[in-house]
Amino acid sequence: MSQAFKDAVSLCKAILRNGFDAYIINPALTESLVTEEGAREIDIATDMGLSELGRLFKNVEASAEPGVTGAMTEGGITFRFYLADIIDASHPETTVARVTPRMLPHLAQKAEMASLACPYLPKAPDLHDGFADFSSGTIRLQGLPDETLRRNYLLGYRALRFAANYQLAIEPNSWMAIVRASQRMLDYVAISEVMDEWRKVEAENLWNFVQMLFDAQLLHGLIPEVAALSRVRHVKNESGREESVYEHTLAVMRHYPEELPFDWYGVMACLFHDVGKLFVAEFVDGRWVFYQHYRVGAKVTRKILHRLRFPPEEMDLICHLVRHNRHFSVMLTDKGIRRFRALDEYPRLIEMSRADIKAREGNYNAFNHNMKFLERADMPEEMLEPLLNGNEIMTHTRLKPGPVVGLIRDALLQAQIAGEVTNREEAIAFAKSYQAKEKIAVQDGVRPA
């Protein structure tokens, strides 16, 4: 990886830490242009505005180029910041910027870059009609399982629901009857009746219910986007071991209720939290990357939930959780954590992040950091401590005690909250620049730092 590409990655990380999105546009082509053709330009997509970029990177200037928010030159490399898609109603495939006008000539040179009407089925008068007594320790269809299912294919879904909630196995012959009838269950059972059974599965058991739907080849017909995640792989954790995204999804669903039990909607959001990876997966530099999968995932989730006949308010809730589930996974600044705290349902988003870490067997460094900063977000801004106290400000600015020191201290605190100052060295530079800007004279008798 070239140094210019590494610098671009560092810029993206700085933007992410401040609560915004950022990624390198078409990283494979970009790296090729930089290393093979000596290109001195890299394009980055972000939803951070020009004013925010200017505060974060001092050399950013406005650009007249179409779609370019701003540009800056560092180390002989020009970084252009394009506006990322932030419109929720846009088509999912337009969310990820894959090419810019500058790249088109290079792309031209690189060829390698280039239901049946179903009758009404009345509900059984008794919930357990069609099932043998559960005292045997298994879920078993009465009589000949295939014949029992033919009379009411809804019983197949109900058997899975009973097995998940009661944590019982399905009797082998009954299970094979369900597998053989899976296509007919998809054809003849109304989606409203399927979801009526689904909603009766307890939150803690939803992961097992989904797994049984998958094993019976029912999930492939109901939600093919989630079933297809079994063929998408990502790196599980720092060990480098891979797993399918579907396996990871089930693990997140299993861990989420450990902190928020009975939260059915939260677990459903976990089911869809990585569904966008199917649509954005790219193999780059020897590994899979999934830029903007949470944005795309939220759009795809809305399409799926509409197909499953979810009410609008429930669709909005689940899609919101999918859209923002990644925000708590990076180490946030004070400003970033306050932006996160302003999101609706942020406690659920925290638990989705915690469940994701458990599922990956990952580390809690960023999570614990954000939890500490979250406590600071509860405090009024005036109660936060600046990086320099009054004595240190006087030492570095050669000022004597007085109200001017308090003005610099307050300005430094506001700069910290805004994310403009993040460490002690920047704080010292800020105090001196503030003194110069306000034309505060150095006072005699005070030795400089």
Protein backbone atom coordinates (compact mmCIF):
# COMPACT_ATOMS: atom_id res chain seq x y z
CA MET A 1 0.00 0.00 0.00
CA SER A 2 1.47 3.37 -1.04
CA GLN A 3 2.08 6.16 1.47
CA ALA A 4 -0.45 8.37 -0.33
CA PHE A 5 -3.10 5.68 0.04
CA LYS A 6 -2.22 5.29 3.74
CA ASP A 7 -2.58 9.06 4.18
CA ALA A 8 -6.03 8.90 2.57
CA VAL A 9 -7.04 6.11 4.96
CA SER A 10 -5.86 8.28 7.89
CA LEU A 11 -8.03 11.17 6.65
CA CYS A 12 -11.04 8.85 6.48
CA LYS A 13 -10.41 7.61 10.02
CA ALA A 14 -10.20 11.18 11.33
CA ILE A 15 -13.57 11.95 9.76
CA LEU A 16 -15.10 8.73 11.14
CA ARG A 17 -13.92 9.57 14.65
CA ASN A 18 -15.87 12.82 14.47
CA GLY A 19 -19.16 11.03 13.80
CA PHE A 20 -19.30 11.31 10.00
CA ASP A 21 -18.85 8.78 7.18
CA ALA A 22 -15.87 8.61 4.84
CA TYR A 23 -14.29 6.14 2.40
CA ILE A 24 -11.90 6.10 -0.55
CA ILE A 25 -13.76 5.99 -3.86
CA ASN A 26 -12.88 2.90 -5.94
CA PRO A 27 -9.86 1.94 -3.83
CA ALA A 28 -8.60 -0.72 -6.26
CA LEU A 29 -8.40 1.71 -9.19
CA THR A 30 -7.05 4.51 -6.97
CA GLU A 31 -4.20 2.38 -5.63
CA SER A 32 -3.40 1.24 -9.16
CA LEU A 33 -3.28 4.81 -10.46
CA VAL A 34 -1.05 5.98 -7.59
CA THR A 35 1.44 3.08 -7.64
CA GLU A 36 1.55 2.22 -11.35
CA GLU A 37 0.89 5.55 -13.07
CA GLY A 38 2.17 7.94 -10.41
CA ALA A 39 -1.14 9.76 -10.03
CA ARG A 40 -1.07 12.54 -7.45
CA GLU A 41 -4.82 12.67 -6.72
CA ILE A 42 -7.10 10.63 -4.45
CA ASP A 43 -10.89 10.97 -4.23
CA ILE A 44 -12.72 10.55 -0.93
CA ALA A 45 -16.50 10.43 -0.32
CA THR A 46 -17.86 11.89 2.93
CA ASP A 47 -21.02 13.44 4.34
CA MET A 48 -18.97 16.01 6.28
CA GLY A 49 -19.63 19.54 5.03
CA LEU A 50 -17.02 22.07 3.93
CA SER A 51 -17.10 24.03 7.18
CA GLU A 52 -16.56 20.87 9.23
CA LEU A 53 -13.78 19.74 6.89
CA GLY A 54 -12.14 23.12 7.25
CA ARG A 55 -12.11 22.85 11.02
CA LEU A 56 -10.69 19.33 10.91
CA PHE A 57 -8.13 19.90 8.11
CA LYS A 58 -6.75 23.42 7.96
CA ASN A 59 -5.72 23.28 4.27
CA VAL A 60 -9.14 22.37 2.85
CA GLU A 61 -10.50 24.88 0.34
CA ALA A 62 -13.78 25.08 -1.55
CA SER A 63 -13.81 23.61 -5.06
CA ALA A 64 -15.77 24.60 -8.16
CA GLU A 65 -15.64 21.05 -9.56
CA PRO A 66 -19.06 19.37 -9.85
CA GLY A 67 -19.83 17.22 -6.81
CA VAL A 68 -16.63 18.19 -4.99
CA THR A 69 -17.19 19.67 -1.52
CA GLY A 70 -13.58 20.70 -1.00
CA ALA A 71 -9.97 19.83 -1.79
CA MET A 72 -6.59 19.99 -0.08
CA THR A 73 -3.01 19.25 -1.03
CA GLU A 74 -0.67 17.49 1.40
CA GLY A 75 2.73 16.01 0.60
CA GLY A 76 2.23 16.63 -3.10
CA ILE A 77 -1.06 14.65 -3.16
CA THR A 78 -4.39 16.38 -3.85
CA PHE A 79 -7.28 14.95 -1.87
CA ARG A 80 -10.75 15.74 -3.21
CA PHE A 81 -13.76 15.35 -0.92
CA TYR A 82 -16.93 14.36 -2.77
CA LEU A 83 -20.34 14.56 -1.12
CA ALA A 84 -21.52 11.07 -0.11
CA ASP A 85 -25.15 10.11 -0.55
CA ILE A 86 -27.19 11.25 2.47
CA ILE A 87 -30.70 11.02 1.01
CA ASP A 88 -32.56 8.13 2.60
CA ALA A 89 -35.00 7.85 -0.31
CA SER A 90 -32.34 7.37 -2.98
CA HIS A 91 -31.76 4.06 -4.74
CA PRO A 92 -29.41 1.81 -2.70
CA GLU A 93 -26.96 1.33 -5.55
CA THR A 94 -26.38 5.07 -5.79
CA THR A 95 -25.27 5.26 -2.16
CA VAL A 96 -21.72 4.04 -2.77
CA ALA A 97 -19.71 6.29 -5.08
CA ARG A 98 -17.68 3.93 -7.28
CA VAL A 99 -16.29 6.35 -9.86
CA THR A 100 -15.66 10.08 -10.31
CA PRO A 101 -15.37 12.06 -13.57
CA ARG A 102 -11.58 12.09 -13.15
CA MET A 103 -11.52 8.27 -13.12
CA LEU A 104 -13.57 7.69 -16.28
CA PRO A 105 -10.68 7.95 -18.79
CA HIS A 106 -8.64 5.48 -16.73
CA LEU A 107 -11.57 3.05 -16.51
CA ALA A 108 -11.84 3.08 -20.29
CA GLN A 109 -8.22 1.95 -20.49
CA LYS A 110 -8.61 -0.80 -17.87
CA ALA A 111 -11.01 -3.40 -19.28
CA GLU A 112 -10.76 -5.57 -16.17
CA MET A 113 -12.40 -2.82 -14.17
CA ALA A 114 -14.97 -2.73 -16.20
CA SER A 115 -47.27 -15.46 -6.69
CA LEU A 116 -49.88 -17.85 -7.38
CA ALA A 117 -53.34 -16.85 -6.14
CA CYS A 118 -53.82 -18.80 -2.93
CA PRO A 119 -57.13 -19.63 -1.28
CA TYR A 120 -57.95 -18.37 2.17
CA LEU A 121 -56.78 -20.82 4.82
CA PRO A 122 -58.74 -20.35 8.03
CA LYS A 123 -56.88 -20.46 11.31
CA ALA A 124 -57.12 -23.63 13.34
CA PRO A 125 -59.69 -23.36 16.13
CA ASP A 126 -57.13 -24.74 18.56
CA LEU A 127 -53.51 -23.59 18.56
CA HIS A 128 -52.25 -27.14 19.05
CA ASP A 129 -54.49 -28.84 16.48
CA GLY A 130 -52.36 -31.00 14.22
CA PHE A 131 -49.66 -31.59 16.85
CA ALA A 132 -49.06 -34.57 19.11
CA ASP A 133 -48.66 -34.01 22.84
CA PHE A 134 -45.37 -32.30 23.71
CA SER A 135 -44.77 -34.61 26.65
CA SER A 136 -42.64 -36.78 24.38
CA GLY A 137 -40.00 -34.03 24.43
CA THR A 138 -40.24 -33.29 20.70
CA ILE A 139 -42.45 -31.26 18.35
CA ARG A 140 -44.33 -33.85 16.27
CA LEU A 141 -47.08 -33.48 13.68
CA GLN A 142 -50.03 -35.81 14.22
CA GLY A 143 -50.67 -38.80 11.95
CA LEU A 144 -48.69 -38.89 8.71
CA PRO A 145 -46.71 -35.60 8.82
CA ASP A 146 -46.90 -35.05 5.05
CA GLU A 147 -50.68 -35.48 5.01
CA THR A 148 -51.11 -33.25 8.09
CA LEU A 149 -49.11 -30.48 6.41
CA ARG A 150 -51.13 -30.76 3.21
CA ARG A 151 -54.23 -29.84 5.18
CA ASN A 152 -52.62 -26.74 6.63
CA TYR A 153 -49.15 -25.64 5.55
CA LEU A 154 -49.17 -23.00 8.27
CA LEU A 155 -48.49 -25.85 10.72
CA GLY A 156 -44.94 -26.05 9.36
CA TYR A 157 -44.14 -22.49 10.50
CA ARG A 158 -45.94 -23.11 13.77
CA ALA A 159 -43.80 -26.19 14.41
CA LEU A 160 -40.67 -24.06 14.02
CA ARG A 161 -42.09 -21.45 16.37
CA PHE A 162 -42.91 -24.07 19.03
CA ALA A 163 -39.45 -25.62 18.66
CA ALA A 164 -37.76 -22.22 19.12
CA ASN A 165 -39.86 -21.02 22.06
CA TYR A 166 -39.98 -24.35 23.94
CA GLN A 167 -36.37 -25.19 22.98
CA LEU A 168 -37.43 -28.65 21.79
CA ALA A 169 -36.25 -30.61 18.77
CA ILE A 170 -38.60 -31.36 15.88
CA GLU A 171 -39.26 -35.08 15.46
CA PRO A 172 -37.23 -36.32 12.44
CA ASN A 173 -40.17 -37.42 10.24
CA SER A 174 -42.00 -34.17 10.94
CA TRP A 175 -38.84 -32.24 10.09
CA MET A 176 -38.42 -34.03 6.77
CA ALA A 177 -42.07 -33.35 5.93
CA ILE A 178 -41.43 -29.61 6.53
CA VAL A 179 -38.31 -29.65 4.34
CA ARG A 180 -40.14 -31.48 1.53
CA ALA A 181 -43.06 -29.05 1.75
CA SER A 182 -40.98 -25.86 2.03
CA GLN A 183 -41.82 -24.58 -1.44
CA ARG A 184 -45.54 -25.23 -0.92
CA MET A 185 -45.34 -23.46 2.45
CA LEU A 186 -43.91 -20.45 0.62
CA ASP A 187 -46.53 -20.67 -2.11
CA TYR A 188 -49.68 -21.20 -0.09
CA VAL A 189 -49.26 -19.49 3.29
CA ALA A 190 -50.04 -15.79 3.26
CA ILE A 191 -47.14 -13.60 4.44
CA SER A 192 -49.41 -12.04 7.07
CA GLU A 193 -49.89 -15.49 8.64
CA VAL A 194 -46.17 -16.25 8.44
CA MET A 195 -45.39 -12.99 10.26
CA ASP A 196 -48.12 -13.71 12.81
CA GLU A 197 -46.15 -16.82 13.80
CA TRP A 198 -42.83 -14.95 13.58
CA ARG A 199 -44.02 -12.22 15.97
CA LYS A 200 -44.89 -14.85 18.58
CA VAL A 201 -41.27 -16.02 18.79
CA GLU A 202 -39.60 -14.62 21.89
CA ALA A 203 -36.74 -12.20 21.31
CA GLU A 204 -34.23 -14.51 23.00
CA ASN A 205 -35.18 -17.34 20.60
CA LEU A 206 -35.37 -15.44 17.32
CA TRP A 207 -31.88 -16.49 16.26
CA ASN A 208 -32.86 -20.18 16.56
CA PHE A 209 -36.10 -19.62 14.66
CA VAL A 210 -34.20 -17.94 11.81
CA GLN A 211 -31.68 -20.79 11.76
CA MET A 212 -34.49 -23.34 11.42
CA LEU A 213 -36.07 -21.29 8.62
CA PHE A 214 -32.69 -21.38 6.88
CA ASP A 215 -32.21 -25.13 7.39
CA ALA A 216 -35.71 -25.82 6.04
CA GLN A 217 -34.99 -23.67 2.94
CA LEU A 218 -37.77 -21.28 3.94
CA LEU A 219 -35.59 -18.26 4.66
CA HIS A 220 -34.33 -18.45 1.07
CA GLY A 221 -37.87 -17.72 -0.14
CA LEU A 222 -38.94 -15.28 2.58
CA ILE A 223 -35.77 -13.19 2.87
CA PRO A 224 -33.30 -14.33 0.19
CA GLU A 225 -31.10 -11.31 0.94
CA VAL A 226 -30.35 -12.66 4.44
CA ALA A 227 -30.01 -16.29 3.31
CA ALA A 228 -27.45 -15.20 0.71
CA LEU A 229 -25.22 -13.86 3.50
CA SER A 230 -24.16 -17.48 4.05
CA ARG A 231 -22.09 -17.02 0.88
CA VAL A 232 -20.56 -13.70 1.92
CA ARG A 233 -17.48 -13.86 4.12
CA HIS A 234 -15.72 -11.31 6.30
CA VAL A 235 -12.86 -11.29 8.78
CA LYS A 236 -14.19 -12.14 12.22
CA ASN A 237 -11.61 -10.31 14.35
CA GLU A 238 -7.95 -9.36 14.64
CA SER A 239 -6.95 -13.02 14.46
CA GLY A 240 -7.73 -12.87 10.73
CA ARG A 241 -10.09 -15.85 10.87
CA GLU A 242 -12.99 -15.62 8.42
CA GLU A 243 -16.65 -16.47 8.93
CA SER A 244 -19.79 -16.06 6.88
CA VAL A 245 -21.78 -12.89 7.46
CA TYR A 246 -24.82 -15.09 8.10
CA GLU A 247 -23.05 -16.87 10.98
CA HIS A 248 -22.09 -13.50 12.41
CA THR A 249 -25.68 -12.25 12.09
CA LEU A 250 -27.06 -15.17 14.12
CA ALA A 251 -24.40 -14.63 16.79
CA VAL A 252 -25.33 -10.95 17.12
CA MET A 253 -29.02 -11.89 17.40
CA ARG A 254 -28.15 -14.38 20.15
CA HIS A 255 -26.06 -11.92 22.19
CA TYR A 256 -28.26 -8.81 21.91
CA PRO A 257 -30.98 -9.93 24.39
CA GLU A 258 -28.33 -10.58 27.07
CA GLU A 259 -28.41 -6.85 27.86
CA LEU A 260 -31.85 -5.87 26.51
CA PRO A 261 -34.14 -8.89 27.05
CA PHE A 262 -37.57 -9.04 25.40
CA ASP A 263 -36.58 -6.41 22.79
CA TRP A 264 -38.07 -8.06 19.71
CA TYR A 265 -37.49 -5.07 17.44
CA GLY A 266 -33.86 -4.73 18.53
CA VAL A 267 -33.19 -8.38 17.64
CA MET A 268 -34.93 -7.92 14.29
CA ALA A 269 -32.62 -4.98 13.61
CA CYS A 270 -29.69 -7.30 14.38
CA LEU A 271 -31.04 -9.72 11.75
CA PHE A 272 -30.67 -7.00 9.09
CA HIS A 273 -27.69 -5.05 10.44
CA ASP A 274 -25.24 -6.52 7.90
CA VAL A 275 -27.61 -7.28 5.02
CA GLY A 276 -26.08 -4.42 3.04
CA LYS A 277 -22.79 -6.32 2.80
CA LEU A 278 -24.34 -8.51 0.11
CA PHE A 279 -24.81 -5.45 -2.12
CA VAL A 280 -21.54 -3.58 -1.55
CA ALA A 281 -18.96 -6.37 -1.15
CA GLU A 282 -15.70 -5.68 -3.00
CA PHE A 283 -12.45 -7.63 -2.94
CA VAL A 284 -9.66 -5.07 -2.53
CA ASP A 285 -5.99 -5.58 -1.74
CA GLY A 286 -6.50 -9.21 -0.80
CA ARG A 287 -9.49 -8.71 1.49
CA TRP A 288 -13.22 -8.03 1.38
CA VAL A 289 -14.43 -4.50 2.10
CA PHE A 290 -18.02 -3.35 2.61
CA TYR A 291 -18.14 0.43 2.22
CA GLN A 292 -21.42 2.04 3.35
CA HIS A 293 -23.06 -1.33 4.03
CA TYR A 294 -25.11 0.16 6.86
CA ARG A 295 -26.60 2.88 4.62
CA VAL A 296 -27.37 0.41 1.85
CA GLY A 297 -28.56 -2.11 4.44
CA ALA A 298 -31.13 0.34 5.78
CA LYS A 299 -32.54 0.85 2.29
CA VAL A 300 -32.66 -2.88 1.56
CA THR A 301 -34.23 -3.53 4.96
CA ARG A 302 -37.05 -1.12 4.17
CA LYS A 303 -37.76 -3.05 0.95
CA ILE A 304 -37.75 -6.37 2.84
CA LEU A 305 -39.99 -5.13 5.66
CA HIS A 306 -42.43 -3.71 3.13
CA ARG A 307 -42.55 -7.13 1.49
CA LEU A 308 -43.18 -8.69 4.92
CA ARG A 309 -46.07 -6.24 5.54
CA PHE A 310 -44.56 -4.39 8.50
CA PRO A 311 -46.41 -1.22 9.58
CA PRO A 312 -44.63 2.04 8.62
CA GLU A 313 -43.69 2.98 12.18
CA GLU A 314 -42.02 -0.41 12.74
CA MET A 315 -40.18 -0.13 9.42
CA ASP A 316 -38.90 3.30 10.44
CA LEU A 317 -37.63 2.01 13.80
CA ILE A 318 -35.79 -1.05 12.44
CA CYS A 319 -34.34 0.81 9.46
CA HIS A 320 -33.11 3.58 11.79
CA LEU A 321 -31.28 1.00 13.93
CA VAL A 322 -29.74 -0.64 10.86
CA ARG A 323 -28.69 2.71 9.40
CA HIS A 324 -26.87 3.86 12.56
CA ASN A 325 -25.67 0.55 14.03
CA ARG A 326 -22.03 1.23 13.14
CA HIS A 327 -21.72 4.68 14.75
CA PHE A 328 -20.65 3.38 18.16
CA SER A 329 -18.04 0.99 16.78
CA VAL A 330 -15.33 3.63 16.18
CA MET A 331 -13.56 5.67 18.86
CA LEU A 332 -15.57 8.90 19.01
CA THR A 333 -14.48 12.36 20.07
CA ASP A 334 -16.49 14.54 22.46
CA LYS A 335 -18.25 16.05 19.49
CA GLY A 336 -18.83 12.64 17.90
CA ILE A 337 -20.36 11.23 21.07
CA ARG A 338 -22.72 14.18 21.39
CA ARG A 339 -23.87 13.65 17.81
CA PHE A 340 -24.41 9.98 18.63
CA ARG A 341 -26.32 10.85 21.81
CA ALA A 342 -28.69 12.98 19.76
CA LEU A 343 -29.78 9.93 17.72
CA ASP A 344 -33.12 8.30 18.52
CA GLU A 345 -32.90 4.88 20.18
CA TYR A 346 -29.20 5.30 21.00
CA PRO A 347 -29.36 2.78 23.93
CA ARG A 348 -30.39 0.11 21.44
CA LEU A 349 -27.55 1.15 19.14
CA ILE A 350 -25.10 0.73 22.03
CA GLU A 351 -26.33 -2.80 22.69
CA MET A 352 -26.13 -3.66 18.99
CA SER A 353 -22.48 -2.59 19.10
CA ARG A 354 -21.87 -4.62 22.26
CA ALA A 355 -23.51 -7.70 20.71
CA ASP A 356 -21.38 -7.25 17.58
CA ILE A 357 -18.19 -7.25 19.67
CA LYS A 358 -19.30 -10.37 21.54
CA ALA A 359 -20.14 -12.11 18.26
CA ARG A 360 -16.72 -11.27 16.83
CA GLU A 361 -14.89 -12.06 20.08
CA GLY A 362 -13.29 -8.67 19.52
CA ASN A 363 -11.78 -6.08 21.84
CA TYR A 364 -13.69 -3.43 23.77
CA ASN A 365 -11.18 -0.57 23.45
CA ALA A 366 -13.35 1.72 21.33
CA PHE A 367 -16.53 0.62 23.10
CA ASN A 368 -15.18 1.37 26.60
CA HIS A 369 -13.75 4.69 25.41
CA ASN A 370 -17.14 5.71 24.01
CA MET A 371 -18.97 4.63 27.16
CA LYS A 372 -16.71 6.91 29.23
CA PHE A 373 -17.25 9.79 26.83
CA LEU A 374 -20.98 9.08 26.96
CA GLU A 375 -20.89 9.92 30.67
CA ARG A 376 -19.27 13.24 29.76
CA ALA A 377 -22.09 13.89 27.30
CA ASP A 378 -24.49 14.01 30.27
CA MET A 379 -22.47 16.84 31.79
CA PRO A 380 -23.09 20.47 30.82
CA GLU A 381 -20.35 21.74 28.54
CA GLU A 382 -19.19 24.24 31.16
CA MET A 383 -18.38 21.38 33.56
CA LEU A 384 -15.86 19.73 31.24
CA GLU A 385 -12.18 20.33 31.95
CA PRO A 386 -9.86 21.84 29.31
CA LEU A 387 -6.53 20.22 28.46
CA LEU A 388 -4.63 23.15 30.04
CA ASN A 389 -5.38 24.69 33.43
CA GLY A 390 -4.91 28.37 34.26
CA ASN A 391 -1.32 28.02 35.45
CA GLU A 392 -0.32 26.12 32.31
CA ILE A 393 -1.97 28.73 30.09
CA MET A 394 -0.02 31.49 31.87
CA THR A 395 3.23 29.54 31.50
CA HIS A 396 2.88 29.06 27.75
CA THR A 397 1.48 32.54 26.96
CA ARG A 398 3.62 34.52 29.47
CA LEU A 399 0.50 36.12 30.92
CA LYS A 400 -0.08 37.15 34.51
CA PRO A 401 -3.23 36.12 36.45
CA GLY A 402 -6.31 37.96 35.25
CA PRO A 403 -9.61 37.65 33.33
CA VAL A 404 -7.75 37.15 30.04
CA VAL A 405 -6.57 33.72 31.23
CA GLY A 406 -10.19 32.74 31.84
CA LEU A 407 -11.17 33.85 28.32
CA ILE A 408 -8.45 31.66 26.79
CA ARG A 409 -9.51 28.74 29.02
CA ASP A 410 -13.17 29.03 27.92
CA ALA A 411 -12.18 29.29 24.25
CA LEU A 412 -9.96 26.22 24.60
CA LEU A 413 -12.81 24.24 26.15
CA GLN A 414 -15.15 25.14 23.30
CA ALA A 415 -12.49 24.12 20.78
CA GLN A 416 -12.15 20.74 22.52
CA ILE A 417 -15.91 20.17 22.45
CA ALA A 418 -15.99 21.06 18.74
CA GLY A 419 -13.22 18.56 18.07
CA GLU A 420 -10.77 21.25 16.88
CA VAL A 421 -8.30 20.46 19.71
CA THR A 422 -7.68 16.83 20.70
CA ASN A 423 -4.35 16.73 22.56
CA ARG A 424 -2.04 18.79 24.76
CA GLU A 425 0.24 19.98 21.95
CA GLU A 426 -2.74 21.30 19.98
CA ALA A 427 -4.04 22.96 23.16
CA ILE A 428 -0.76 24.86 23.66
CA ALA A 429 -0.78 25.98 20.02
CA PHE A 430 -4.42 27.05 20.34
CA ALA A 431 -3.72 29.16 23.45
CA LYS A 432 -0.85 30.95 21.73
CA SER A 433 -2.80 31.52 18.51
CA TYR A 434 -5.78 32.84 20.48
CA GLN A 435 -3.46 35.24 22.28
CA ALA A 436 -2.02 36.46 18.99
CA LYS A 437 -5.43 36.74 17.33
CA GLU A 438 -6.85 38.79 20.18
CA LYS A 439 -3.61 40.85 20.36
CA ILE A 440 -3.09 40.09 24.05
CA ALA A 441 0.28 41.52 25.01
CA VAL A 442 2.91 39.39 26.74
CA GLN A 443 3.51 40.70 30.23
CA ASP A 444 6.98 41.34 31.61
CA GLY A 445 8.36 39.22 34.36
CA VAL A 446 6.78 36.00 33.10
CA ARG A 447 9.24 33.48 31.70
CA PRO A 448 8.08 31.74 28.49
CA ALA A 449 7.70 27.98 28.34
